[in-house]
Amino acid sequence: MTEQLIVSEQPEAITREVIAGALDQSYAQISAPISKLSDPLSEVTDEGGWMVRQLLSHLIGALHRVPIHTGYFLSGAESLPLQVDSEYWISEWSTAPVQSFSLALDAAYLGVKATLPSIASEDLQRLSETPFGELPLARLLLISVNGHIARVHGEQLAAFT
């Protein structure tokens, strides 16, 4: 997808504050269209073949994985088994109301927000091999919360509203 382009566009000095700011902006960008959705959710697919339920599952699942991915870096793992282009589907999503997706997004956002202060500044520079090449943790976090969530999927979600 466009993640490779996003990898090359990130600034060199990425702090926890920069990541937290990007997370807040991405959360606002994603939560606004969700608040405009209504039950029952549309079953129409977008150009990529995803229904809104699948996209919401992907966004929430991607955020839930940020602390997991962080743990790989902090444990010194040489590579990150990052799954990309998945719906991260759970069976409840097939009938879940909009409110369930909204609450799950809130929980995922707050989980990432709570994880950031526990990462030491020097640990943000830890390297690991990813599907996008070798990256420091800071860059992967910024790509995850801003590049992937907001830039890749923000407009996609807004198109469903």
Protein backbone atom coordinates (compact mmCIF):
# COMPACT_ATOMS: atom_id res chain seq x y z
CA MET A 1 0.00 0.00 0.00
CA THR A 2 1.22 3.57 0.57
CA GLU A 3 2.99 2.79 3.84
CA GLN A 4 6.38 2.69 2.09
CA LEU A 5 5.93 6.31 1.01
CA ILE A 6 4.89 7.25 4.52
CA VAL A 7 8.02 5.62 5.98
CA SER A 8 10.27 7.90 3.95
CA GLU A 9 8.39 11.08 4.83
CA GLN A 10 8.82 10.96 8.63
CA PRO A 11 11.09 13.49 10.36
CA GLU A 12 14.33 12.26 11.92
CA ALA A 13 13.72 13.41 15.54
CA ILE A 14 10.56 11.75 16.78
CA THR A 15 9.73 12.19 20.47
CA ARG A 16 6.99 10.70 22.63
CA GLU A 17 5.29 14.10 22.48
CA VAL A 18 5.30 14.07 18.68
CA ILE A 19 3.85 10.55 18.69
CA ALA A 20 1.21 11.50 21.29
CA GLY A 21 0.19 14.54 19.24
CA ALA A 22 -0.09 12.44 16.09
CA LEU A 23 -2.15 9.87 18.00
CA ASP A 24 -4.53 12.56 19.24
CA GLN A 25 -4.97 13.97 15.74
CA SER A 26 -5.55 10.54 14.23
CA TYR A 27 -8.08 9.65 16.91
CA ALA A 28 -9.99 12.87 16.22
CA GLN A 29 -9.87 12.21 12.47
CA ILE A 30 -11.22 8.67 12.87
CA SER A 31 -13.74 9.24 15.66
CA ALA A 32 -15.48 12.10 13.85
CA PRO A 33 -16.73 9.96 10.93
CA ILE A 34 -17.66 7.11 13.28
CA SER A 35 -19.96 9.49 15.14
CA LYS A 36 -21.78 10.11 11.84
CA LEU A 37 -22.45 6.43 11.17
CA SER A 38 -25.78 4.91 12.11
CA ASP A 39 -27.24 1.47 12.63
CA PRO A 40 -27.60 -0.70 10.74
CA LEU A 41 -24.18 -0.23 9.17
CA SER A 42 -24.03 -0.25 5.41
CA GLU A 43 -22.94 -3.42 3.66
CA VAL A 44 -21.74 -1.53 0.59
CA THR A 45 -18.06 -2.09 -0.22
CA ASP A 46 -15.58 0.62 -1.13
CA GLU A 47 -13.16 0.58 -4.08
CA GLY A 48 -10.84 -1.71 -2.13
CA GLY A 49 -13.63 -4.20 -1.47
CA TRP A 50 -14.03 -3.48 2.26
CA MET A 51 -17.31 -2.84 4.04
CA VAL A 52 -17.33 -0.23 6.79
CA ARG A 53 -17.37 -2.99 9.44
CA GLN A 54 -14.17 -4.44 8.03
CA LEU A 55 -12.48 -1.04 7.95
CA LEU A 56 -13.51 -0.26 11.53
CA SER A 57 -12.23 -3.65 12.64
CA HIS A 58 -8.94 -2.97 10.88
CA LEU A 59 -8.51 0.47 12.45
CA ILE A 60 -9.31 -0.74 15.96
CA GLY A 61 -7.19 -3.87 15.56
CA ALA A 62 -4.25 -1.85 14.26
CA LEU A 63 -4.36 0.44 17.30
CA HIS A 64 -4.65 -2.50 19.70
CA ARG A 65 -1.47 -3.93 18.18
CA VAL A 66 0.68 -0.84 18.85
CA PRO A 67 1.58 -1.88 22.44
CA ILE A 68 2.23 -5.44 21.24
CA HIS A 69 4.59 -4.21 18.53
CA THR A 70 6.28 -1.92 21.05
CA GLY A 71 7.00 -4.93 23.25
CA TYR A 72 8.94 -6.58 20.44
CA PHE A 73 11.22 -3.56 20.20
CA LEU A 74 11.64 -3.22 23.98
CA SER A 75 12.50 -6.91 24.34
CA GLY A 76 15.27 -6.56 21.78
CA ALA A 77 13.65 -8.70 19.10
CA GLU A 78 15.54 -8.50 15.82
CA SER A 79 12.38 -8.55 13.75
CA LEU A 80 8.74 -7.66 14.12
CA PRO A 81 6.22 -10.14 12.68
CA LEU A 82 3.91 -7.33 11.59
CA GLN A 83 0.74 -8.46 9.86
CA VAL A 84 -0.39 -5.94 7.25
CA ASP A 85 -3.56 -5.63 5.16
CA SER A 86 -5.64 -7.69 7.59
CA GLU A 87 -9.13 -6.92 8.80
CA TYR A 88 -8.17 -8.09 12.33
CA TRP A 89 -11.72 -9.45 12.42
CA ILE A 90 -13.48 -10.81 15.50
CA SER A 91 -16.84 -12.52 15.18
CA GLU A 92 -18.71 -9.88 17.21
CA TRP A 93 -18.05 -7.30 14.49
CA SER A 94 -20.49 -9.02 12.13
CA THR A 95 -23.50 -7.69 14.10
CA ALA A 96 -21.99 -5.03 16.38
CA PRO A 97 -23.74 -1.68 16.56
CA VAL A 98 -21.84 1.53 15.83
CA GLN A 99 -21.54 2.18 19.58
CA SER A 100 -19.48 -1.01 19.97
CA PHE A 101 -17.01 0.17 17.37
CA SER A 102 -16.87 3.61 18.95
CA LEU A 103 -16.19 2.21 22.44
CA ALA A 104 -13.57 -0.19 21.10
CA LEU A 105 -11.83 2.68 19.30
CA ASP A 106 -11.82 4.69 22.53
CA ALA A 107 -10.27 1.77 24.41
CA ALA A 108 -7.61 1.22 21.75
CA TYR A 109 -6.72 4.93 21.69
CA LEU A 110 -6.47 5.11 25.48
CA GLY A 111 -4.35 1.95 25.52
CA VAL A 112 -1.81 3.44 23.13
CA LYS A 113 -1.92 6.76 25.02
CA ALA A 114 -1.18 4.90 28.28
CA THR A 115 1.69 2.97 26.68
CA LEU A 116 3.66 6.00 25.48
CA PRO A 117 4.87 7.31 28.89
CA SER A 118 6.28 3.88 29.74
CA ILE A 119 8.72 4.02 26.81
CA ALA A 120 12.07 5.53 27.76
CA SER A 121 13.35 8.18 25.34
CA GLU A 122 16.41 6.09 24.47
CA ASP A 123 14.18 3.10 23.70
CA LEU A 124 12.50 5.07 20.93
CA GLN A 125 15.72 4.57 18.94
CA ARG A 126 15.75 0.76 19.27
CA LEU A 127 15.85 -0.88 15.86
CA SER A 128 13.97 -3.86 14.52
CA GLU A 129 13.43 -5.32 11.08
CA THR A 130 9.88 -4.68 9.83
CA PRO A 131 8.07 -5.31 6.54
CA PHE A 132 9.11 -1.72 5.69
CA GLY A 133 12.80 -2.28 6.40
CA GLU A 134 14.79 -1.70 9.57
CA LEU A 135 13.16 1.04 11.61
CA PRO A 136 13.55 2.62 15.04
CA LEU A 137 10.58 2.18 17.37
CA ALA A 138 9.75 5.91 17.23
CA ARG A 139 9.34 5.83 13.48
CA LEU A 140 7.19 2.70 13.55
CA LEU A 141 4.96 4.25 16.23
CA LEU A 142 4.51 7.42 14.20
CA ILE A 143 3.79 5.44 11.05
CA SER A 144 1.26 3.33 12.97
CA VAL A 145 -0.69 6.11 14.66
CA ASN A 146 -0.46 8.76 11.96
CA GLY A 147 0.61 7.43 8.59
CA HIS A 148 -1.40 4.25 8.69
CA ILE A 149 -4.47 5.22 10.71
CA ALA A 150 -4.99 8.80 9.57
CA ARG A 151 -3.39 9.09 6.17
CA VAL A 152 -4.08 5.67 4.72
CA HIS A 153 -7.52 5.02 6.21
CA GLY A 154 -8.90 8.40 7.32
CA GLU A 155 -10.34 9.38 3.95
CA GLN A 156 -11.46 5.81 3.36
CA LEU A 157 -13.57 5.93 6.52
CA ALA A 158 -14.91 9.42 5.79
CA ALA A 159 -16.20 8.15 2.42
CA PHE A 160 -18.59 5.82 4.27
CA THR A 161 -20.33 8.75 5.99
